[in-house]
C-alpha atoms as a PDB file:
ATOM      1  CA  UNK A   1       0.000   0.000   0.000  1.00  0.00           C
ATOM      2  CA  UNK A   2       2.938   2.329   0.550  1.00  0.00           C
ATOM      3  CA  UNK A   3       3.795   1.976  -3.137  1.00  0.00           C
ATOM      4  CA  UNK A   4       0.297   3.090  -4.076  1.00  0.00           C
ATOM      5  CA  UNK A   5       0.796   6.331  -2.165  1.00  0.00           C
ATOM      6  CA  UNK A   6       3.988   6.888  -4.160  1.00  0.00           C
ATOM      7  CA  UNK A   7       1.981   6.208  -7.340  1.00  0.00           C
ATOM      8  CA  UNK A   8      -0.591   8.775  -6.180  1.00  0.00           C
ATOM      9  CA  UNK A   9       2.298  11.176  -5.643  1.00  0.00           C
ATOM     10  CA  UNK A  10       3.474  10.583  -9.193  1.00  0.00           C
ATOM     11  CA  UNK A  11       0.064  11.250 -10.719  1.00  0.00           C
ATOM     12  CA  UNK A  12      -0.551  14.348  -8.624  1.00  0.00           C
ATOM     13  CA  UNK A  13       2.871  15.584  -9.799  1.00  0.00           C
ATOM     14  CA  UNK A  14       1.798  15.022 -13.412  1.00  0.00           C
ATOM     15  CA  UNK A  15      -1.440  16.948 -12.827  1.00  0.00           C
ATOM     16  CA  UNK A  16       0.479  19.740 -11.061  1.00  0.00           C
ATOM     17  CA  UNK A  17       2.913  20.095 -13.950  1.00  0.00           C
ATOM     18  CA  UNK A  18       0.123  20.129 -16.539  1.00  0.00           C
ATOM     19  CA  UNK A  19      -1.817  22.770 -14.598  1.00  0.00           C
ATOM     20  CA  UNK A  20       1.371  24.813 -14.214  1.00  0.00           C
ATOM     21  CA  UNK A  21       1.862  24.664 -17.978  1.00  0.00           C
ATOM     22  CA  UNK A  22      -1.730  25.841 -18.419  1.00  0.00           C
ATOM     23  CA  UNK A  23      -1.229  28.884 -16.127  1.00  0.00           C
ATOM     24  CA  UNK A  24      -3.488  27.523 -13.391  1.00  0.00           C
ATOM     25  CA  UNK A  25      -1.168  28.479 -10.533  1.00  0.00           C
ATOM     26  CA  UNK A  26      -3.490  27.873  -7.523  1.00  0.00           C
ATOM     27  CA  UNK A  27      -4.429  24.419  -8.806  1.00  0.00           C
ATOM     28  CA  UNK A  28      -0.793  23.518  -9.441  1.00  0.00           C
ATOM     29  CA  UNK A  29       0.214  24.620  -5.930  1.00  0.00           C
ATOM     30  CA  UNK A  30      -2.517  22.455  -4.409  1.00  0.00           C
ATOM     31  CA  UNK A  31      -1.354  19.447  -6.414  1.00  0.00           C
ATOM     32  CA  UNK A  32       2.329  20.070  -5.613  1.00  0.00           C
ATOM     33  CA  UNK A  33       1.366  20.043  -1.931  1.00  0.00           C
ATOM     34  CA  UNK A  34      -0.580  16.803  -2.394  1.00  0.00           C
ATOM     35  CA  UNK A  35       2.424  15.298  -4.184  1.00  0.00           C
ATOM     36  CA  UNK A  36       4.679  16.082  -1.245  1.00  0.00           C
ATOM     37  CA  UNK A  37       2.196  14.622   1.242  1.00  0.00           C
ATOM     38  CA  UNK A  38       1.673  11.420  -0.752  1.00  0.00           C
ATOM     39  CA  UNK A  39       5.386  10.817  -1.270  1.00  0.00           C
ATOM     40  CA  UNK A  40       6.177  11.454   2.402  1.00  0.00           C
ATOM     41  CA  UNK A  41       3.384   9.103   3.477  1.00  0.00           C
ATOM     42  CA  UNK A  42       4.589   6.535   0.949  1.00  0.00           C
ATOM     43  CA  UNK A  43       7.977   6.292   2.648  1.00  0.00           C
ATOM     44  CA  UNK A  44       6.682   6.160   6.233  1.00  0.00           C
ATOM     45  CA  UNK A  45       6.055   2.378   6.246  1.00  0.00           C
ATOM     46  CA  UNK A  46       2.717   2.574   8.045  1.00  0.00           C
ATOM     47  CA  UNK A  47       0.364  -0.369   8.465  1.00  0.00           C
ATOM     48  CA  UNK A  48      -2.088  -1.380   5.761  1.00  0.00           C
ATOM     49  CA  UNK A  49      -5.046  -0.276   7.855  1.00  0.00           C
ATOM     50  CA  UNK A  50      -3.525   3.151   8.449  1.00  0.00           C
ATOM     51  CA  UNK A  51      -2.948   3.661   4.735  1.00  0.00           C
ATOM     52  CA  UNK A  52      -6.543   2.702   3.947  1.00  0.00           C
ATOM     53  CA  UNK A  53      -7.905   5.030   6.633  1.00  0.00           C
ATOM     54  CA  UNK A  54      -5.717   7.872   5.361  1.00  0.00           C
ATOM     55  CA  UNK A  55      -6.916   7.265   1.817  1.00  0.00           C
ATOM     56  CA  UNK A  56     -10.585   7.235   2.858  1.00  0.00           C
ATOM     57  CA  UNK A  57     -10.067  10.436   4.840  1.00  0.00           C
ATOM     58  CA  UNK A  58      -8.435  12.026   1.806  1.00  0.00           C
ATOM     59  CA  UNK A  59     -11.281  10.932  -0.460  1.00  0.00           C
ATOM     60  CA  UNK A  60     -13.985  12.234   1.893  1.00  0.00           C
ATOM     61  CA  UNK A  61     -12.208  15.559   2.302  1.00  0.00           C
ATOM     62  CA  UNK A  62     -11.510  16.026  -1.397  1.00  0.00           C
ATOM     63  CA  UNK A  63     -14.974  15.009  -2.591  1.00  0.00           C
ATOM     64  CA  UNK A  64     -16.756  17.166  -0.023  1.00  0.00           C
ATOM     65  CA  UNK A  65     -14.483  20.104  -0.901  1.00  0.00           C
ATOM     66  CA  UNK A  66     -15.111  19.588  -4.622  1.00  0.00           C
ATOM     67  CA  UNK A  67     -18.868  19.360  -4.053  1.00  0.00           C
ATOM     68  CA  UNK A  68     -18.870  22.501  -1.912  1.00  0.00           C
ATOM     69  CA  UNK A  69     -16.837  24.444  -4.463  1.00  0.00           C
ATOM     70  CA  UNK A  70     -18.871  23.335  -7.464  1.00  0.00           C
ATOM     71  CA  UNK A  71     -22.202  23.941  -5.723  1.00  0.00           C
ATOM     72  CA  UNK A  72     -21.610  27.192  -3.828  1.00  0.00           C
ATOM     73  CA  UNK A  73     -18.630  28.951  -5.440  1.00  0.00           C
ATOM     74  CA  UNK A  74     -18.850  28.324  -9.189  1.00  0.00           C
ATOM     75  CA  UNK A  75     -21.084  30.508 -11.281  1.00  0.00           C
ATOM     76  CA  UNK A  76     -23.493  28.914 -13.709  1.00  0.00           C
END
């Protein structure tokens, strides 16, 4: 499971670089931060259960943040 967090770090780095190339600076900074967190967590050698709980917490936080932003902040 620690390797999967490093894979998540790789893909968030790819998204950060593509958003940086597209002049979306706030989005790229968010994804660079996520890359750092995923890579650090990937090398911590935590238990399988801890990695799964961290991933579920990340998913709940990101999906609720995305839903809030798309529902209340974006204009139609």
